[in-house]
Amino acid sequence: MRPVHDNPRLGAEEGDTPVELRSRRLPVIGFLGGGSPDTDANRVRAFRQGLSEAGYVEGKSVAIEYRWAEGQYDQLPVLAAELVSVG
């Protein structure tokens, strides 16, 4: 299974990629979802809100890498390893 990457960046410049964000030396946070961007939208929204309340803004003070298992939980270790290698 090919991972689905959803990388909406609030406050990032138009067209920025995760690599460009990391090149600015932003800390990278990995978000590993068992569902999909659609099924976990409320969870992602709450995650971003919590970060914001703590003073972190996606694309400004942190970069977030997303990986989605889309219900294929056996893929979670592979996706987690990807996130570790990114950061």
N, C-alpha and C. Protein backbone atom coordinates (compact mmCIF):
# COMPACT_ATOMS: atom_id res chain seq x y z
N MET A 1 0.84 -1.19 0.00
CA MET A 1 0.00 0.00 0.00
C MET A 1 0.88 1.24 0.00
N ARG A 2 0.58 2.14 -0.84
CA ARG A 2 1.29 3.42 -0.91
C ARG A 2 0.63 4.38 0.08
N PRO A 3 1.42 5.00 0.97
CA PRO A 3 0.82 5.89 1.96
C PRO A 3 0.20 7.12 1.30
N VAL A 4 -0.87 7.58 1.88
CA VAL A 4 -1.50 8.80 1.41
C VAL A 4 -0.98 9.93 2.28
N HIS A 5 -0.48 10.95 1.65
CA HIS A 5 0.09 12.08 2.38
C HIS A 5 -0.84 13.28 2.24
N ASP A 6 -1.27 13.78 3.34
CA ASP A 6 -2.07 14.99 3.35
C ASP A 6 -1.25 16.00 4.11
N ASN A 7 -0.88 17.06 3.49
CA ASN A 7 0.00 17.99 4.15
C ASN A 7 -0.51 19.41 4.07
N PRO A 8 -1.70 19.67 4.58
CA PRO A 8 -2.15 21.06 4.61
C PRO A 8 -1.32 21.83 5.63
N ARG A 9 -0.79 22.96 5.22
CA ARG A 9 0.05 23.74 6.11
C ARG A 9 -0.60 25.10 6.36
N LEU A 10 -1.11 25.28 7.54
CA LEU A 10 -1.70 26.56 7.90
C LEU A 10 -0.59 27.58 8.05
N GLY A 11 -0.70 28.67 7.36
CA GLY A 11 0.27 29.74 7.49
C GLY A 11 1.53 29.57 6.67
N ALA A 12 1.66 28.47 5.96
CA ALA A 12 2.85 28.27 5.13
C ALA A 12 2.70 29.09 3.85
N GLU A 13 3.81 29.32 3.21
CA GLU A 13 3.75 30.02 1.94
C GLU A 13 3.20 29.09 0.87
N GLU A 14 2.48 29.64 -0.07
CA GLU A 14 1.89 28.85 -1.15
C GLU A 14 2.97 28.05 -1.87
N GLY A 15 2.74 26.76 -2.03
CA GLY A 15 3.66 25.92 -2.77
C GLY A 15 4.79 25.33 -1.95
N ASP A 16 4.88 25.67 -0.68
CA ASP A 16 5.93 25.09 0.15
C ASP A 16 5.74 23.58 0.25
N THR A 17 6.82 22.85 0.19
CA THR A 17 6.78 21.41 0.39
C THR A 17 7.34 21.11 1.78
N PRO A 18 7.11 19.90 2.30
CA PRO A 18 7.69 19.56 3.61
C PRO A 18 9.21 19.73 3.62
N VAL A 19 9.86 19.41 2.52
CA VAL A 19 11.32 19.57 2.46
C VAL A 19 11.70 21.04 2.60
N GLU A 20 10.96 21.92 1.94
CA GLU A 20 11.25 23.36 2.05
C GLU A 20 11.01 23.85 3.47
N LEU A 21 9.96 23.34 4.09
CA LEU A 21 9.70 23.73 5.48
C LEU A 21 10.83 23.28 6.38
N ARG A 22 11.31 22.05 6.19
CA ARG A 22 12.40 21.54 7.02
C ARG A 22 13.69 22.30 6.75
N SER A 23 13.87 22.78 5.52
CA SER A 23 15.10 23.50 5.21
C SER A 23 15.17 24.80 6.00
N ARG A 24 14.05 25.27 6.46
CA ARG A 24 14.03 26.45 7.33
C ARG A 24 14.31 26.06 8.77
N ARG A 25 14.62 24.77 8.97
CA ARG A 25 14.99 24.24 10.27
C ARG A 25 13.85 24.26 11.27
N LEU A 26 12.65 24.07 10.78
CA LEU A 26 11.52 23.94 11.69
C LEU A 26 11.53 22.56 12.31
N PRO A 27 11.14 22.46 13.57
CA PRO A 27 10.96 21.12 14.15
C PRO A 27 9.86 20.40 13.37
N VAL A 28 10.01 19.09 13.22
CA VAL A 28 9.04 18.29 12.49
C VAL A 28 8.28 17.40 13.46
N ILE A 29 6.96 17.44 13.35
CA ILE A 29 6.09 16.58 14.14
C ILE A 29 5.47 15.57 13.20
N GLY A 30 5.49 14.30 13.59
CA GLY A 30 4.85 13.26 12.79
C GLY A 30 3.46 12.97 13.31
N PHE A 31 2.50 12.87 12.40
CA PHE A 31 1.13 12.52 12.75
C PHE A 31 0.80 11.22 12.03
N LEU A 32 0.55 10.16 12.78
CA LEU A 32 0.27 8.85 12.23
C LEU A 32 -1.20 8.53 12.48
N GLY A 33 -1.96 8.42 11.41
CA GLY A 33 -3.39 8.16 11.53
C GLY A 33 -3.74 6.77 11.03
N GLY A 34 -4.60 6.09 11.76
CA GLY A 34 -5.05 4.77 11.35
C GLY A 34 -6.10 4.83 10.26
N GLY A 35 -6.75 5.98 10.13
CA GLY A 35 -7.79 6.16 9.12
C GLY A 35 -7.25 6.89 7.91
N SER A 36 -8.00 7.90 7.49
CA SER A 36 -7.63 8.71 6.33
C SER A 36 -7.79 10.18 6.72
N PRO A 37 -7.32 11.09 5.88
CA PRO A 37 -7.52 12.51 6.20
C PRO A 37 -9.00 12.85 6.39
N ASP A 38 -9.87 12.21 5.63
CA ASP A 38 -11.30 12.48 5.76
C ASP A 38 -11.88 11.92 7.05
N THR A 39 -11.56 10.66 7.35
CA THR A 39 -12.15 10.04 8.55
C THR A 39 -11.57 10.61 9.83
N ASP A 40 -10.35 11.11 9.77
CA ASP A 40 -9.70 11.65 10.97
C ASP A 40 -9.66 13.17 10.99
N ALA A 41 -10.49 13.82 10.19
CA ALA A 41 -10.46 15.29 10.09
C ALA A 41 -10.66 15.97 11.44
N ASN A 42 -11.60 15.48 12.24
CA ASN A 42 -11.84 16.09 13.55
C ASN A 42 -10.64 15.92 14.47
N ARG A 43 -10.00 14.76 14.40
CA ARG A 43 -8.81 14.50 15.22
C ARG A 43 -7.68 15.43 14.81
N VAL A 44 -7.49 15.62 13.51
CA VAL A 44 -6.42 16.50 13.03
C VAL A 44 -6.72 17.95 13.43
N ARG A 45 -7.98 18.34 13.33
CA ARG A 45 -8.37 19.70 13.72
C ARG A 45 -8.07 19.93 15.21
N ALA A 46 -8.40 18.95 16.05
CA ALA A 46 -8.13 19.08 17.49
C ALA A 46 -6.62 19.10 17.77
N PHE A 47 -5.88 18.28 17.03
CA PHE A 47 -4.43 18.25 17.16
C PHE A 47 -3.83 19.62 16.85
N ARG A 48 -4.25 20.20 15.73
CA ARG A 48 -3.76 21.53 15.35
C ARG A 48 -4.17 22.60 16.36
N GLN A 49 -5.39 22.49 16.86
CA GLN A 49 -5.85 23.47 17.85
C GLN A 49 -4.99 23.38 19.11
N GLY A 50 -4.70 22.16 19.55
CA GLY A 50 -3.84 21.99 20.72
C GLY A 50 -2.45 22.56 20.50
N LEU A 51 -1.91 22.32 19.32
CA LEU A 51 -0.61 22.90 19.01
C LEU A 51 -0.67 24.42 19.04
N SER A 52 -1.72 24.96 18.44
CA SER A 52 -1.89 26.41 18.40
C SER A 52 -2.00 27.00 19.80
N GLU A 53 -2.75 26.34 20.65
CA GLU A 53 -2.91 26.81 22.03
C GLU A 53 -1.59 26.78 22.79
N ALA A 54 -0.69 25.89 22.36
CA ALA A 54 0.63 25.80 22.98
C ALA A 54 1.64 26.74 22.31
N GLY A 55 1.17 27.50 21.30
CA GLY A 55 2.03 28.48 20.65
C GLY A 55 2.71 28.01 19.38
N TYR A 56 2.31 26.85 18.87
CA TYR A 56 2.91 26.32 17.64
C TYR A 56 1.96 26.50 16.48
N VAL A 57 2.48 27.00 15.36
CA VAL A 57 1.69 27.21 14.16
C VAL A 57 2.31 26.42 13.03
N GLU A 58 1.51 25.55 12.43
CA GLU A 58 2.00 24.72 11.35
C GLU A 58 2.49 25.59 10.19
N GLY A 59 3.71 25.33 9.76
CA GLY A 59 4.30 26.09 8.67
C GLY A 59 5.06 27.31 9.13
N LYS A 60 4.85 27.75 10.35
CA LYS A 60 5.57 28.91 10.89
C LYS A 60 6.58 28.48 11.95
N SER A 61 6.13 27.70 12.94
CA SER A 61 7.03 27.29 14.02
C SER A 61 7.26 25.79 14.05
N VAL A 62 6.45 25.02 13.35
CA VAL A 62 6.64 23.57 13.22
C VAL A 62 6.18 23.11 11.85
N ALA A 63 6.74 22.01 11.39
CA ALA A 63 6.26 21.34 10.18
C ALA A 63 5.62 20.04 10.64
N ILE A 64 4.56 19.63 9.99
CA ILE A 64 3.89 18.38 10.36
C ILE A 64 3.89 17.46 9.15
N GLU A 65 4.36 16.25 9.36
CA GLU A 65 4.33 15.20 8.34
C GLU A 65 3.19 14.26 8.70
N TYR A 66 2.34 13.96 7.74
CA TYR A 66 1.19 13.09 7.95
C TYR A 66 1.39 11.77 7.22
N ARG A 67 0.97 10.69 7.86
CA ARG A 67 0.91 9.38 7.22
C ARG A 67 -0.41 8.75 7.62
N TRP A 68 -1.04 8.08 6.67
CA TRP A 68 -2.37 7.52 6.87
C TRP A 68 -2.39 6.03 6.50
N ALA A 69 -2.86 5.20 7.42
CA ALA A 69 -2.95 3.75 7.17
C ALA A 69 -4.22 3.38 6.42
N GLU A 70 -5.19 4.24 6.44
CA GLU A 70 -6.47 4.01 5.76
C GLU A 70 -7.08 2.66 6.14
N GLY A 71 -7.04 2.36 7.44
CA GLY A 71 -7.64 1.14 7.96
C GLY A 71 -6.77 -0.09 7.81
N GLN A 72 -5.64 0.02 7.17
CA GLN A 72 -4.72 -1.11 7.02
C GLN A 72 -3.67 -1.03 8.12
N TYR A 73 -4.10 -1.48 9.31
CA TYR A 73 -3.30 -1.29 10.51
C TYR A 73 -1.96 -2.02 10.47
N ASP A 74 -1.85 -3.05 9.64
CA ASP A 74 -0.56 -3.73 9.51
C ASP A 74 0.49 -2.83 8.88
N GLN A 75 0.06 -1.72 8.27
CA GLN A 75 0.98 -0.77 7.65
C GLN A 75 1.52 0.26 8.65
N LEU A 76 0.96 0.30 9.85
CA LEU A 76 1.38 1.32 10.83
C LEU A 76 2.87 1.27 11.13
N PRO A 77 3.49 0.10 11.33
CA PRO A 77 4.94 0.11 11.60
C PRO A 77 5.76 0.70 10.45
N VAL A 78 5.38 0.42 9.22
CA VAL A 78 6.09 0.97 8.05
C VAL A 78 5.92 2.48 8.01
N LEU A 79 4.70 2.94 8.23
CA LEU A 79 4.44 4.38 8.20
C LEU A 79 5.14 5.09 9.34
N ALA A 80 5.18 4.46 10.51
CA ALA A 80 5.90 5.05 11.65
C ALA A 80 7.39 5.16 11.33
N ALA A 81 7.95 4.13 10.71
CA ALA A 81 9.36 4.17 10.34
C ALA A 81 9.64 5.31 9.35
N GLU A 82 8.70 5.54 8.43
CA GLU A 82 8.84 6.66 7.50
C GLU A 82 8.92 7.98 8.25
N LEU A 83 8.04 8.13 9.23
CA LEU A 83 8.00 9.38 9.99
C LEU A 83 9.31 9.58 10.77
N VAL A 84 9.83 8.50 11.32
CA VAL A 84 11.09 8.59 12.07
C VAL A 84 12.21 9.03 11.12
N SER A 85 12.22 8.50 9.92
CA SER A 85 13.30 8.84 8.98
C SER A 85 13.19 10.26 8.48
N VAL A 86 11.99 10.82 8.47
CA VAL A 86 11.77 12.19 8.00
C VAL A 86 12.36 13.20 8.99
N GLY A 87 12.11 12.98 10.26
CA GLY A 87 12.49 13.95 11.29
C GLY A 87 13.91 13.90 11.63
